N, C-alpha and C. Protein backbone atom coordinates (compact mmCIF):
# COMPACT_ATOMS: atom_id res chain seq x y z
N MET A 1 -60.82 14.49 6.53
CA MET A 1 -59.38 15.47 6.48
C MET A 1 -58.53 15.04 7.92
N ILE A 2 -57.17 14.93 7.86
CA ILE A 2 -56.42 14.36 8.60
C ILE A 2 -55.99 15.57 9.59
N SER A 3 -56.28 15.35 10.85
CA SER A 3 -56.04 16.44 11.91
C SER A 3 -54.51 16.53 12.19
N LYS A 4 -53.99 17.57 12.76
CA LYS A 4 -52.76 17.87 12.90
C LYS A 4 -52.24 16.76 13.89
N ALA A 5 -53.08 16.59 15.23
CA ALA A 5 -52.64 15.50 16.01
C ALA A 5 -52.44 14.17 15.32
N SER A 6 -53.21 13.79 14.38
CA SER A 6 -53.04 12.48 13.65
C SER A 6 -51.79 12.29 12.92
N LYS A 7 -51.31 13.52 12.20
CA LYS A 7 -50.12 13.90 11.52
C LYS A 7 -49.05 13.71 12.37
N PHE A 8 -48.97 14.31 13.67
CA PHE A 8 -47.89 14.23 14.67
C PHE A 8 -47.66 12.93 14.93
N PHE A 9 -48.63 12.41 15.39
CA PHE A 9 -48.83 10.91 15.77
C PHE A 9 -47.90 9.95 14.83
N ALA A 10 -48.52 10.08 13.62
CA ALA A 10 -47.81 9.37 12.45
C ALA A 10 -46.32 9.66 12.22
N MET A 11 -45.97 10.88 12.20
CA MET A 11 -44.44 11.19 12.24
C MET A 11 -43.79 10.77 13.38
N SER A 12 -44.40 10.72 14.54
CA SER A 12 -43.76 10.34 15.75
C SER A 12 -43.54 8.76 15.49
N LEU A 13 -44.42 7.98 14.96
CA LEU A 13 -44.38 6.53 15.00
C LEU A 13 -42.95 6.06 13.80
N LEU A 14 -43.12 7.17 12.71
CA LEU A 14 -42.19 7.16 11.62
C LEU A 14 -40.74 7.06 12.18
N LEU A 15 -40.74 8.27 13.07
CA LEU A 15 -39.23 8.46 13.77
C LEU A 15 -38.92 7.26 14.72
N VAL A 16 -39.80 6.74 15.32
CA VAL A 16 -39.50 5.64 16.08
C VAL A 16 -38.83 4.49 15.61
N SER A 17 -39.75 4.23 14.32
CA SER A 17 -39.49 3.23 13.63
C SER A 17 -38.21 3.36 12.84
N VAL A 18 -37.72 4.49 12.39
CA VAL A 18 -36.38 4.16 11.60
C VAL A 18 -35.40 4.41 12.76
N SER A 19 -35.51 4.91 13.89
CA SER A 19 -34.36 4.66 15.12
C SER A 19 -34.28 3.26 15.41
N ALA A 20 -35.24 2.38 15.50
CA ALA A 20 -35.22 1.17 15.99
C ALA A 20 -34.41 0.23 14.98
N LEU A 21 -34.86 0.62 13.65
CA LEU A 21 -34.28 -0.11 12.34
C LEU A 21 -32.63 0.28 12.24
N ALA A 22 -32.42 1.53 12.65
CA ALA A 22 -30.91 1.67 12.77
C ALA A 22 -30.33 1.30 13.71
N ASP A 23 -30.81 0.45 14.67
CA ASP A 23 -30.07 -0.03 16.07
C ASP A 23 -30.17 -1.73 15.71
N THR A 24 -30.58 -2.13 14.39
CA THR A 24 -30.92 -3.61 14.35
C THR A 24 -29.59 -4.19 14.28
N CYS A 25 -29.61 -5.38 14.70
CA CYS A 25 -28.22 -6.22 14.55
C CYS A 25 -28.66 -7.47 13.76
N ASN A 26 -27.93 -7.74 12.73
CA ASN A 26 -28.47 -9.01 11.86
C ASN A 26 -27.15 -9.94 11.82
N ASN A 27 -27.49 -11.31 11.95
CA ASN A 27 -26.52 -12.40 11.76
C ASN A 27 -25.83 -12.29 10.55
N PHE A 28 -24.34 -12.51 10.60
CA PHE A 28 -23.45 -12.59 9.51
C PHE A 28 -22.64 -13.65 9.65
N ASN A 29 -22.02 -14.28 8.61
CA ASN A 29 -20.81 -15.08 8.70
C ASN A 29 -21.19 -16.13 9.65
N ILE A 30 -20.48 -16.13 10.69
CA ILE A 30 -20.48 -17.13 11.55
C ILE A 30 -21.03 -16.55 13.02
N TYR A 31 -21.49 -15.15 12.77
CA TYR A 31 -22.00 -14.66 14.33
C TYR A 31 -23.27 -14.34 14.27
N THR A 32 -23.89 -14.57 15.34
CA THR A 32 -25.29 -14.38 15.79
C THR A 32 -25.25 -13.51 16.84
N CYS A 33 -26.28 -12.72 16.82
CA CYS A 33 -27.00 -11.67 17.54
C CYS A 33 -27.66 -12.01 18.69
N ALA A 34 -27.31 -11.50 19.88
CA ALA A 34 -28.09 -11.86 20.93
C ALA A 34 -29.68 -11.42 20.80
N GLN A 35 -30.49 -11.84 21.59
CA GLN A 35 -32.01 -11.24 21.78
C GLN A 35 -32.02 -9.80 21.91
N SER A 36 -31.22 -9.22 22.82
CA SER A 36 -30.75 -7.92 23.03
C SER A 36 -29.53 -7.25 22.70
N THR A 37 -29.44 -6.28 22.02
CA THR A 37 -28.11 -5.78 21.65
C THR A 37 -28.01 -4.39 21.94
N PRO A 38 -27.90 -3.79 23.40
CA PRO A 38 -27.93 -2.35 23.45
C PRO A 38 -26.58 -1.80 22.62
N ASN A 39 -26.79 -0.57 22.39
CA ASN A 39 -26.17 0.57 21.70
C ASN A 39 -24.90 1.05 22.54
N THR A 40 -24.03 0.39 23.11
CA THR A 40 -23.16 0.90 23.93
C THR A 40 -21.48 0.74 23.21
N VAL A 41 -21.42 0.44 21.96
CA VAL A 41 -19.88 0.42 21.49
C VAL A 41 -19.69 1.75 20.91
N ARG A 42 -18.75 2.29 21.15
CA ARG A 42 -18.24 3.65 20.73
C ARG A 42 -17.21 3.63 19.77
N ILE A 43 -16.97 4.52 18.62
CA ILE A 43 -15.88 4.61 17.87
C ILE A 43 -15.26 5.71 18.14
N ILE A 44 -13.99 5.97 18.52
CA ILE A 44 -13.27 7.28 18.82
C ILE A 44 -12.40 7.65 17.75
N GLY A 45 -12.66 8.69 16.99
CA GLY A 45 -11.83 9.01 16.01
C GLY A 45 -10.73 10.40 16.36
N GLN A 46 -10.71 11.30 15.56
CA GLN A 46 -9.87 12.38 15.96
C GLN A 46 -10.55 13.89 16.04
N GLY A 47 -12.12 13.64 15.47
CA GLY A 47 -12.88 14.83 15.57
C GLY A 47 -14.20 14.67 15.51
N PRO A 48 -15.11 15.80 15.25
CA PRO A 48 -16.52 15.38 14.88
C PRO A 48 -16.86 15.53 13.29
N THR A 49 -18.08 14.88 12.94
CA THR A 49 -18.31 14.80 11.60
C THR A 49 -19.61 15.78 11.45
N ASN A 50 -20.07 16.21 12.66
CA ASN A 50 -21.34 17.08 12.93
C ASN A 50 -22.59 16.58 11.77
N SER A 51 -22.61 15.09 11.79
CA SER A 51 -23.43 14.73 10.78
C SER A 51 -24.06 13.66 11.69
N SER A 52 -24.80 12.69 10.82
CA SER A 52 -25.68 11.72 11.29
C SER A 52 -24.83 10.29 11.99
N VAL A 53 -23.65 10.27 11.31
CA VAL A 53 -22.93 9.19 11.60
C VAL A 53 -21.42 9.78 12.23
N GLY A 54 -21.03 9.29 13.48
CA GLY A 54 -19.70 9.79 14.26
C GLY A 54 -19.81 11.38 14.60
N THR A 55 -21.34 11.70 15.17
CA THR A 55 -21.40 13.11 15.04
C THR A 55 -20.49 13.74 16.02
N THR A 56 -19.91 13.45 16.96
CA THR A 56 -19.05 14.20 17.81
C THR A 56 -17.42 13.86 18.02
N THR A 57 -17.53 12.49 17.85
CA THR A 57 -15.92 11.97 17.85
C THR A 57 -15.65 11.13 16.86
N GLY A 58 -16.46 10.75 15.75
CA GLY A 58 -16.27 9.92 14.72
C GLY A 58 -15.48 10.00 13.54
N LEU A 59 -14.92 11.19 13.59
CA LEU A 59 -14.08 11.57 12.16
C LEU A 59 -12.67 11.06 12.32
N ILE A 60 -12.12 10.08 11.55
CA ILE A 60 -10.94 9.42 11.72
C ILE A 60 -10.28 10.18 10.57
N THR A 61 -9.07 10.79 10.88
CA THR A 61 -8.21 11.44 10.15
C THR A 61 -6.72 11.25 10.39
N GLY A 62 -6.62 10.14 11.45
CA GLY A 62 -5.17 9.83 11.79
C GLY A 62 -4.94 8.43 11.36
N ASN A 63 -4.05 7.48 11.82
CA ASN A 63 -3.57 6.32 11.47
C ASN A 63 -4.11 5.40 12.51
N SER A 64 -5.12 5.59 13.30
CA SER A 64 -5.76 4.61 14.33
C SER A 64 -7.10 5.44 14.75
N PHE A 65 -7.89 4.46 15.31
CA PHE A 65 -8.90 4.98 16.17
C PHE A 65 -9.26 4.07 17.36
N GLY A 66 -10.08 4.45 18.34
CA GLY A 66 -10.42 3.93 19.54
C GLY A 66 -11.69 3.21 19.45
N VAL A 67 -11.96 2.10 20.24
CA VAL A 67 -13.09 1.55 20.65
C VAL A 67 -13.37 1.32 21.93
N THR A 68 -14.55 1.83 22.48
CA THR A 68 -14.61 1.74 24.03
C THR A 68 -16.35 1.52 23.96
N MET A 69 -16.75 1.10 25.40
CA MET A 69 -17.93 0.61 25.67
C MET A 69 -18.46 1.63 26.78
N THR A 70 -19.69 2.15 26.83
CA THR A 70 -20.14 3.03 27.94
C THR A 70 -20.85 1.80 28.90
N GLY A 71 -21.18 2.62 30.18
CA GLY A 71 -21.65 1.64 31.10
C GLY A 71 -21.05 0.61 31.67
N ASN A 72 -19.68 0.78 31.80
CA ASN A 72 -18.70 -0.49 32.39
C ASN A 72 -18.99 -1.57 31.65
N GLY A 73 -19.32 -1.51 30.33
CA GLY A 73 -19.20 -2.89 29.63
C GLY A 73 -18.10 -3.39 29.00
N SER A 74 -17.95 -4.59 28.90
CA SER A 74 -16.63 -5.17 28.20
C SER A 74 -16.98 -6.16 27.38
N ALA A 75 -16.06 -6.83 26.59
CA ALA A 75 -16.35 -7.80 25.46
C ALA A 75 -15.06 -8.67 25.51
N SER A 76 -15.37 -9.91 25.28
CA SER A 76 -14.44 -10.90 24.92
C SER A 76 -13.70 -10.79 23.74
N ASP A 77 -14.21 -10.00 22.98
CA ASP A 77 -13.70 -9.82 21.32
C ASP A 77 -14.40 -8.57 20.93
N ILE A 78 -13.87 -8.04 19.99
CA ILE A 78 -14.43 -6.72 19.11
C ILE A 78 -14.42 -7.10 17.53
N ILE A 79 -15.54 -7.04 16.98
CA ILE A 79 -15.23 -7.02 15.57
C ILE A 79 -15.79 -5.65 14.85
N ILE A 80 -15.10 -5.25 14.22
CA ILE A 80 -15.20 -4.09 13.13
C ILE A 80 -16.09 -4.35 11.80
N ILE A 81 -17.29 -3.93 11.61
CA ILE A 81 -17.86 -3.93 10.58
C ILE A 81 -17.71 -2.77 9.57
N ALA A 82 -17.59 -2.77 8.25
CA ALA A 82 -17.33 -1.65 7.55
C ALA A 82 -18.08 -1.45 6.41
N ALA A 83 -18.46 -0.12 5.83
CA ALA A 83 -19.29 0.01 4.65
C ALA A 83 -18.21 0.86 3.80
N PHE A 84 -18.08 0.40 2.62
CA PHE A 84 -17.05 0.99 1.58
C PHE A 84 -17.71 1.72 0.43
N THR A 85 -17.28 2.70 -0.07
CA THR A 85 -17.84 3.55 -1.16
C THR A 85 -17.48 2.90 -2.57
N GLY A 86 -16.34 2.00 -2.52
CA GLY A 86 -15.61 1.55 -3.51
C GLY A 86 -15.42 -0.07 -3.13
N SER A 87 -14.40 -0.65 -3.56
CA SER A 87 -14.10 -1.96 -3.35
C SER A 87 -13.60 -2.04 -1.82
N VAL A 88 -13.69 -3.28 -1.35
CA VAL A 88 -13.24 -3.30 0.01
C VAL A 88 -11.77 -3.37 0.02
N GLY A 89 -11.09 -2.60 1.09
CA GLY A 89 -9.46 -2.50 1.13
C GLY A 89 -9.30 -2.23 2.41
N GLY A 90 -7.89 -2.24 2.48
CA GLY A 90 -7.31 -1.86 3.89
C GLY A 90 -7.04 -2.72 4.93
N THR A 91 -6.47 -2.53 5.94
CA THR A 91 -6.39 -3.52 7.13
C THR A 91 -6.61 -2.60 8.52
N LEU A 92 -6.91 -3.59 9.33
CA LEU A 92 -6.93 -2.87 10.75
C LEU A 92 -6.07 -3.95 11.58
N ASN A 93 -5.19 -3.44 12.34
CA ASN A 93 -4.23 -4.09 13.11
C ASN A 93 -3.65 -5.16 12.36
N GLY A 94 -3.34 -4.82 10.93
CA GLY A 94 -2.65 -6.00 10.14
C GLY A 94 -3.71 -6.88 9.50
N SER A 95 -4.91 -6.98 9.84
CA SER A 95 -5.62 -8.04 9.41
C SER A 95 -6.61 -7.34 8.25
N SER A 96 -6.87 -8.21 7.18
CA SER A 96 -7.79 -7.55 5.76
C SER A 96 -9.13 -8.01 6.22
N PHE A 97 -9.79 -7.30 5.69
CA PHE A 97 -11.28 -7.21 5.58
C PHE A 97 -11.97 -8.67 5.01
N THR A 98 -12.93 -9.48 5.43
CA THR A 98 -13.44 -10.15 4.74
C THR A 98 -14.87 -9.68 4.18
N ALA A 99 -15.09 -9.97 3.07
CA ALA A 99 -16.34 -9.17 2.10
C ALA A 99 -17.60 -9.94 2.93
N LEU A 100 -18.66 -9.08 2.70
CA LEU A 100 -19.84 -9.43 3.01
C LEU A 100 -20.90 -8.68 2.03
N SER A 101 -22.29 -9.57 1.92
CA SER A 101 -22.88 -9.04 0.86
C SER A 101 -24.05 -7.98 1.48
N SER A 102 -23.91 -7.77 2.76
CA SER A 102 -24.84 -6.91 3.26
C SER A 102 -24.41 -6.24 4.64
N PHE A 103 -24.87 -5.07 4.95
CA PHE A 103 -24.31 -4.42 6.04
C PHE A 103 -25.03 -5.34 7.35
N PRO A 104 -24.38 -5.56 8.63
CA PRO A 104 -24.84 -6.13 9.53
C PRO A 104 -25.54 -5.48 10.44
N GLU A 105 -25.59 -4.06 10.59
CA GLU A 105 -26.34 -3.30 11.22
C GLU A 105 -27.46 -2.64 10.31
N GLY A 106 -28.68 -3.28 10.19
CA GLY A 106 -29.69 -3.08 9.25
C GLY A 106 -30.31 -1.47 9.66
N GLY A 107 -30.59 -1.06 8.70
CA GLY A 107 -31.23 0.59 8.86
C GLY A 107 -30.13 1.41 8.84
N ALA A 108 -28.74 1.15 8.79
CA ALA A 108 -27.58 2.28 9.15
C ALA A 108 -27.51 3.07 7.80
N LEU A 109 -27.92 2.40 6.72
CA LEU A 109 -27.40 3.00 5.51
C LEU A 109 -27.74 4.31 4.89
N GLY A 110 -29.16 4.76 5.42
CA GLY A 110 -29.48 5.71 5.33
C GLY A 110 -28.71 7.02 5.89
N ALA A 111 -28.44 6.75 7.34
CA ALA A 111 -27.86 7.83 7.91
C ALA A 111 -26.25 7.78 7.36
N ILE A 112 -25.57 6.67 6.92
CA ILE A 112 -24.34 6.74 6.24
C ILE A 112 -24.31 7.50 5.10
N SER A 113 -25.10 7.36 4.17
CA SER A 113 -25.30 7.95 2.73
C SER A 113 -25.48 9.57 3.47
N THR A 114 -26.41 9.94 4.07
CA THR A 114 -26.45 11.42 4.54
C THR A 114 -25.02 11.94 4.95
N THR A 115 -24.07 11.11 5.68
CA THR A 115 -23.12 11.59 6.24
C THR A 115 -21.82 11.72 5.04
N LEU A 116 -22.02 10.73 4.34
CA LEU A 116 -20.99 10.69 3.06
C LEU A 116 -21.15 11.95 2.24
N GLN A 117 -22.46 12.12 1.94
CA GLN A 117 -22.82 13.27 1.10
C GLN A 117 -22.50 14.72 1.82
N ALA A 118 -22.82 14.61 2.86
CA ALA A 118 -22.44 16.02 3.62
C ALA A 118 -21.01 16.34 4.28
N LEU A 119 -19.98 15.17 3.86
CA LEU A 119 -18.69 15.30 4.15
C LEU A 119 -17.91 15.46 2.79
N GLY A 120 -18.84 15.24 1.61
CA GLY A 120 -18.22 15.34 0.27
C GLY A 120 -17.40 13.95 0.07
N LEU A 121 -17.56 12.99 0.59
CA LEU A 121 -16.81 11.77 0.47
C LEU A 121 -17.44 10.49 -0.46
N GLY A 122 -18.60 10.73 -1.02
CA GLY A 122 -19.34 9.82 -1.79
C GLY A 122 -20.59 9.93 -1.69
N THR A 123 -21.41 9.23 -2.17
CA THR A 123 -23.00 9.01 -2.17
C THR A 123 -23.67 8.07 -1.24
N SER A 124 -23.15 6.73 -1.40
CA SER A 124 -23.79 5.71 -0.68
C SER A 124 -22.53 4.34 -0.67
N PRO A 125 -22.59 3.59 0.21
CA PRO A 125 -21.89 2.53 0.23
C PRO A 125 -22.14 1.47 -0.80
N THR A 126 -21.14 1.00 -1.20
CA THR A 126 -21.50 -0.14 -2.38
C THR A 126 -21.06 -1.57 -2.08
N SER A 127 -20.03 -1.63 -0.88
CA SER A 127 -19.67 -3.08 -0.54
C SER A 127 -19.28 -2.72 0.96
N PHE A 128 -19.10 -3.98 1.64
CA PHE A 128 -19.17 -4.35 3.01
C PHE A 128 -18.10 -5.47 3.30
N GLY A 129 -17.50 -5.07 4.77
CA GLY A 129 -16.55 -6.15 5.21
C GLY A 129 -16.63 -5.93 6.56
N PHE A 130 -15.78 -7.09 7.16
CA PHE A 130 -15.50 -7.02 8.68
C PHE A 130 -14.18 -7.72 9.05
N VAL A 131 -13.73 -7.39 10.10
CA VAL A 131 -12.42 -7.78 10.83
C VAL A 131 -12.64 -8.04 11.91
N ASP A 132 -12.49 -9.30 12.41
CA ASP A 132 -12.37 -9.73 13.86
C ASP A 132 -11.02 -9.32 14.28
N LEU A 133 -11.05 -8.63 15.21
CA LEU A 133 -9.76 -8.23 15.92
C LEU A 133 -9.12 -9.26 16.92
N HIS A 134 -9.93 -10.13 17.42
CA HIS A 134 -9.45 -11.12 18.24
C HIS A 134 -8.87 -10.34 19.61
N SER A 135 -9.47 -9.22 19.97
CA SER A 135 -8.99 -8.72 20.94
C SER A 135 -10.11 -8.59 22.01
N ALA A 136 -10.01 -8.50 23.26
CA ALA A 136 -10.79 -8.36 24.43
C ALA A 136 -10.79 -6.52 24.70
N LEU A 137 -11.87 -6.62 25.28
CA LEU A 137 -11.90 -5.15 25.77
C LEU A 137 -12.45 -4.92 26.99
N GLY A 138 -11.84 -4.38 28.01
CA GLY A 138 -12.21 -4.57 29.45
C GLY A 138 -13.04 -3.16 29.58
N ALA A 139 -13.86 -3.25 30.77
CA ALA A 139 -14.68 -2.11 31.33
C ALA A 139 -13.57 -0.92 31.55
N GLY A 140 -14.32 0.19 30.91
CA GLY A 140 -13.36 1.50 31.25
C GLY A 140 -12.48 1.61 30.22
N GLN A 141 -11.92 0.71 29.46
CA GLN A 141 -10.81 0.47 28.53
C GLN A 141 -10.87 0.99 27.23
N THR A 142 -10.05 1.53 26.32
CA THR A 142 -10.10 1.92 25.03
C THR A 142 -9.29 0.98 24.18
N LEU A 143 -9.57 0.44 23.34
CA LEU A 143 -9.11 -0.54 22.62
C LEU A 143 -8.29 0.42 21.19
N THR A 144 -7.28 0.28 21.02
CA THR A 144 -6.60 1.02 19.82
C THR A 144 -6.60 0.19 18.54
N VAL A 145 -7.07 0.73 17.44
CA VAL A 145 -7.10 -0.11 16.39
C VAL A 145 -6.33 0.69 15.21
N ASN A 146 -5.25 0.13 14.74
CA ASN A 146 -4.27 0.60 13.84
C ASN A 146 -4.90 0.82 12.34
N VAL A 147 -4.88 1.79 11.56
CA VAL A 147 -5.35 1.70 10.08
C VAL A 147 -4.30 1.57 9.20
N SER A 148 -4.31 0.89 8.04
CA SER A 148 -3.40 1.03 6.88
C SER A 148 -4.26 0.94 5.83
N GLY A 149 -4.12 1.76 4.99
CA GLY A 149 -4.97 1.73 3.50
C GLY A 149 -6.23 1.59 3.21
N LEU A 150 -7.00 2.22 4.35
CA LEU A 150 -8.60 2.31 4.50
C LEU A 150 -8.83 3.38 3.67
N PRO A 151 -9.45 3.34 2.72
CA PRO A 151 -9.85 4.46 1.76
C PRO A 151 -10.70 5.48 2.43
N SER A 152 -10.55 6.86 2.11
CA SER A 152 -11.66 7.68 2.63
C SER A 152 -12.97 7.39 2.29
N GLY A 153 -13.70 7.86 3.33
CA GLY A 153 -15.42 7.52 3.19
C GLY A 153 -15.71 6.26 3.71
N THR A 154 -14.77 5.50 4.21
CA THR A 154 -15.11 3.97 4.98
C THR A 154 -15.85 4.23 6.34
N VAL A 155 -16.92 3.63 6.41
CA VAL A 155 -17.63 3.76 7.69
C VAL A 155 -17.28 2.68 8.36
N VAL A 156 -17.10 2.80 9.84
CA VAL A 156 -16.73 1.64 10.71
C VAL A 156 -17.67 1.67 12.01
N TYR A 157 -18.16 0.53 12.45
CA TYR A 157 -19.09 0.28 13.71
C TYR A 157 -18.34 -0.80 14.34
N GLY A 158 -18.61 -0.65 15.59
CA GLY A 158 -17.91 -2.00 16.38
C GLY A 158 -18.78 -2.77 16.93
N LEU A 159 -18.79 -4.00 16.99
CA LEU A 159 -19.65 -5.21 17.75
C LEU A 159 -18.94 -6.04 18.61
N ALA A 160 -19.62 -6.00 19.83
CA ALA A 160 -19.06 -6.76 21.00
C ALA A 160 -19.57 -8.06 21.06
N LEU A 161 -18.49 -9.00 21.31
CA LEU A 161 -18.78 -10.35 21.56
C LEU A 161 -18.67 -10.84 23.12
N ASN A 162 -19.51 -11.60 23.44
CA ASN A 162 -19.53 -12.31 24.86
C ASN A 162 -20.10 -13.33 24.89
N GLN A 163 -19.78 -14.26 25.84
CA GLN A 163 -20.75 -15.57 25.97
C GLN A 163 -22.02 -15.37 26.72
N VAL A 164 -23.06 -16.02 26.05
CA VAL A 164 -24.33 -15.77 26.81
C VAL A 164 -24.85 -17.10 26.90
N THR A 165 -25.37 -17.49 28.15
CA THR A 165 -26.03 -18.69 28.48
C THR A 165 -27.59 -18.61 28.31
N THR A 166 -28.28 -19.47 27.61
CA THR A 166 -29.52 -19.39 27.48
C THR A 166 -30.16 -20.80 27.86
N CYS A 167 -31.18 -20.80 28.51
CA CYS A 167 -32.17 -22.15 28.70
C CYS A 167 -33.26 -22.10 28.36
N LYS A 168 -33.85 -23.31 27.84
CA LYS A 168 -35.21 -23.62 27.13
C LYS A 168 -35.47 -24.99 27.50
N ARG A 169 -36.62 -24.74 28.48
CA ARG A 169 -37.07 -26.27 28.86
C ARG A 169 -36.15 -27.02 29.92
N GLY A 170 -35.57 -26.22 30.56
CA GLY A 170 -34.62 -26.68 31.37
C GLY A 170 -33.24 -27.33 30.99
N VAL A 171 -33.00 -26.89 29.70
CA VAL A 171 -31.57 -27.40 29.01
C VAL A 171 -30.85 -26.05 28.72
N CYS A 172 -29.69 -25.76 29.16
CA CYS A 172 -28.88 -24.69 29.00
C CYS A 172 -27.91 -24.89 28.13
N SER A 173 -27.62 -23.62 27.29
CA SER A 173 -26.23 -23.70 26.50
C SER A 173 -25.63 -22.48 26.62
N THR A 174 -24.43 -22.51 26.26
CA THR A 174 -23.41 -21.22 26.22
C THR A 174 -22.84 -21.09 24.94
N ASN A 175 -23.13 -19.82 24.39
CA ASN A 175 -22.60 -19.63 23.03
C ASN A 175 -22.06 -18.14 22.93
N THR A 176 -21.06 -18.26 22.31
CA THR A 176 -20.54 -16.40 22.07
C THR A 176 -21.29 -15.73 21.08
N LEU A 177 -21.98 -14.53 21.48
CA LEU A 177 -22.99 -14.07 20.52
C LEU A 177 -22.36 -12.62 20.55
N ILE A 178 -23.22 -11.81 19.65
CA ILE A 178 -23.04 -10.33 19.35
C ILE A 178 -23.88 -9.73 20.46
N THR A 179 -23.31 -8.89 21.59
CA THR A 179 -24.20 -8.52 22.69
C THR A 179 -24.52 -6.93 22.69
N ASN A 180 -23.54 -6.32 21.93
CA ASN A 180 -23.39 -4.90 21.94
C ASN A 180 -23.25 -4.43 20.63
N ILE A 181 -23.78 -3.16 20.23
CA ILE A 181 -23.57 -2.82 18.97
C ILE A 181 -23.37 -1.34 18.89
N THR A 182 -23.06 -0.63 17.92
CA THR A 182 -22.74 0.84 17.63
C THR A 182 -23.89 1.57 17.14
N PRO A 183 -24.36 2.68 17.76
CA PRO A 183 -25.12 3.45 17.15
C PRO A 183 -24.80 4.44 16.04
N ASN A 184 -25.45 4.94 15.32
CA ASN A 184 -25.03 5.49 14.07
C ASN A 184 -24.32 6.90 14.53
N SER A 185 -24.58 7.81 15.53
CA SER A 185 -24.27 8.79 16.23
C SER A 185 -22.62 8.66 16.56
N GLU A 186 -22.35 7.25 17.14
CA GLU A 186 -20.99 7.15 17.89
C GLU A 186 -20.21 5.98 16.82
N ALA A 187 -20.65 6.07 15.45
CA ALA A 187 -19.72 5.19 14.53
C ALA A 187 -18.55 6.01 13.91
N GLY A 188 -17.88 5.52 13.22
CA GLY A 188 -16.55 6.11 12.81
C GLY A 188 -16.47 6.45 11.00
N ILE A 189 -16.09 7.19 10.54
CA ILE A 189 -15.96 7.40 9.23
C ILE A 189 -14.47 8.06 8.79
N THR A 190 -13.69 7.52 7.85
CA THR A 190 -12.49 7.85 7.37
C THR A 190 -12.54 9.29 6.60
N GLY A 191 -11.87 10.25 6.96
CA GLY A 191 -11.76 11.37 6.30
C GLY A 191 -10.44 11.28 5.55
N LEU A 192 -9.93 12.45 5.14
CA LEU A 192 -8.62 12.49 4.56
C LEU A 192 -7.64 12.14 5.60
N VAL A 193 -6.74 10.89 5.47
CA VAL A 193 -5.78 10.50 6.51
C VAL A 193 -4.78 11.35 6.48
N THR A 194 -4.32 11.76 7.64
CA THR A 194 -3.12 12.70 7.99
C THR A 194 -1.91 11.94 7.82
N PRO A 195 -0.96 12.10 6.99
CA PRO A 195 0.49 11.31 7.09
C PRO A 195 1.12 11.16 8.15
N GLU A 196 1.95 10.04 8.39
CA GLU A 196 2.50 9.95 9.61
C GLU A 196 3.81 11.24 9.72
N PRO A 197 4.39 11.27 10.86
CA PRO A 197 5.47 12.41 11.04
C PRO A 197 6.67 11.88 10.02
N GLY A 198 7.03 10.41 10.05
CA GLY A 198 7.97 10.11 9.15
C GLY A 198 7.65 10.40 7.88
N THR A 199 6.51 10.20 7.30
CA THR A 199 6.30 10.44 5.74
C THR A 199 6.28 12.02 5.59
N LEU A 200 5.98 12.61 6.39
CA LEU A 200 6.18 14.23 6.36
C LEU A 200 7.57 14.49 6.22
N GLY A 201 8.43 13.98 7.13
CA GLY A 201 9.88 14.17 7.18
C GLY A 201 10.25 14.00 5.57
N LEU A 202 9.83 12.69 5.23
CA LEU A 202 10.40 12.44 3.76
C LEU A 202 10.18 13.14 2.81
N LEU A 203 8.87 13.53 2.92
CA LEU A 203 8.09 14.67 1.78
C LEU A 203 9.10 16.08 1.87
N GLY A 204 9.39 16.48 3.02
CA GLY A 204 9.99 17.51 3.11
C GLY A 204 11.51 17.68 2.74
N THR A 205 12.07 16.30 2.99
CA THR A 205 13.58 16.15 2.44
C THR A 205 13.49 16.08 0.86
N GLY A 206 12.44 15.32 0.31
CA GLY A 206 12.50 15.33 -1.23
C GLY A 206 12.18 16.77 -2.04
N LEU A 207 11.37 17.56 -1.11
CA LEU A 207 11.01 18.84 -1.63
C LEU A 207 12.26 19.89 -1.63
N ILE A 208 13.18 19.55 -0.50
CA ILE A 208 14.64 20.41 -0.36
C ILE A 208 15.11 19.93 -1.49
N GLY A 209 15.41 18.57 -1.81
CA GLY A 209 16.40 18.20 -2.89
C GLY A 209 16.09 18.66 -4.18
N LEU A 210 14.71 18.57 -4.48
CA LEU A 210 14.10 19.11 -5.62
C LEU A 210 14.40 20.64 -5.91
N ALA A 211 14.29 21.20 -4.97
CA ALA A 211 14.64 22.76 -4.91
C ALA A 211 16.10 22.93 -5.26
N GLY A 212 16.95 22.09 -4.68
CA GLY A 212 18.38 22.48 -4.88
C GLY A 212 18.78 21.84 -6.32
N ILE A 213 18.01 20.91 -7.04
CA ILE A 213 18.27 20.58 -8.40
C ILE A 213 17.82 21.64 -9.41
N VAL A 214 16.75 22.34 -8.90
CA VAL A 214 16.34 23.43 -9.77
C VAL A 214 17.09 24.63 -9.79
N ARG A 215 17.51 24.99 -8.62
CA ARG A 215 18.59 26.14 -8.41
C ARG A 215 19.79 25.73 -9.16
N ARG A 216 20.34 24.64 -9.12
CA ARG A 216 21.44 24.54 -10.09
C ARG A 216 21.60 24.36 -11.50
N ARG A 217 20.05 23.92 -11.82
CA ARG A 217 19.80 24.06 -13.25
C ARG A 217 19.86 25.61 -13.76
N TYR A 218 19.19 26.31 -13.02
CA TYR A 218 19.00 27.84 -13.19
C TYR A 218 20.45 28.66 -13.09
N ALA A 219 21.38 27.89 -12.35
CA ALA A 219 22.74 28.67 -12.24
C ALA A 219 23.50 28.15 -13.49
N ARG A 220 23.28 27.23 -14.14
CA ARG A 220 24.08 27.01 -15.63
C ARG A 220 23.70 27.80 -16.41
């Protein structure tokens, strides 16, 4: 018979394993992960999801989001990877997504599905993609990423690129690697995007015009 202590130990190991898996960096396209990839990249939206992904600041309801790094971290370039509940679509800073066959942050899909269902935005992602922003991120800075046409329920994670020098048997080489990734709780997810003020103004003008037409017809 299994004791309570044994059950507790087994559950602890399971939680540790799930947590470690969720923070895994997988190589993709032309990008390679460094041996260590700390979870220090943060996505800053307009509010909390109160769920596994984007817990406190990851809900994106506007036309942009921010990318920052903790611990005075910096990056020579930022890549945004995304999981979609439908087809890959939309642009970031005017650049379209390149499709991927799998999600580069291994183990995150369970948390993503949980959050999608909690927010009523879908059940699970079916397609994946990435955008290389070709933008550096300085220590203590926030990089603004403009969003266009990104479907609701799209989940975004940030990856930091930096030059890393490795030496083996006296031979050293320097390569650009993925050095920092995003933890589930600090990722972002698009909710219902709030229209821009200009769009709201046009909508209001259109409604006023429509009301005038209706009044004239009734006057006749």
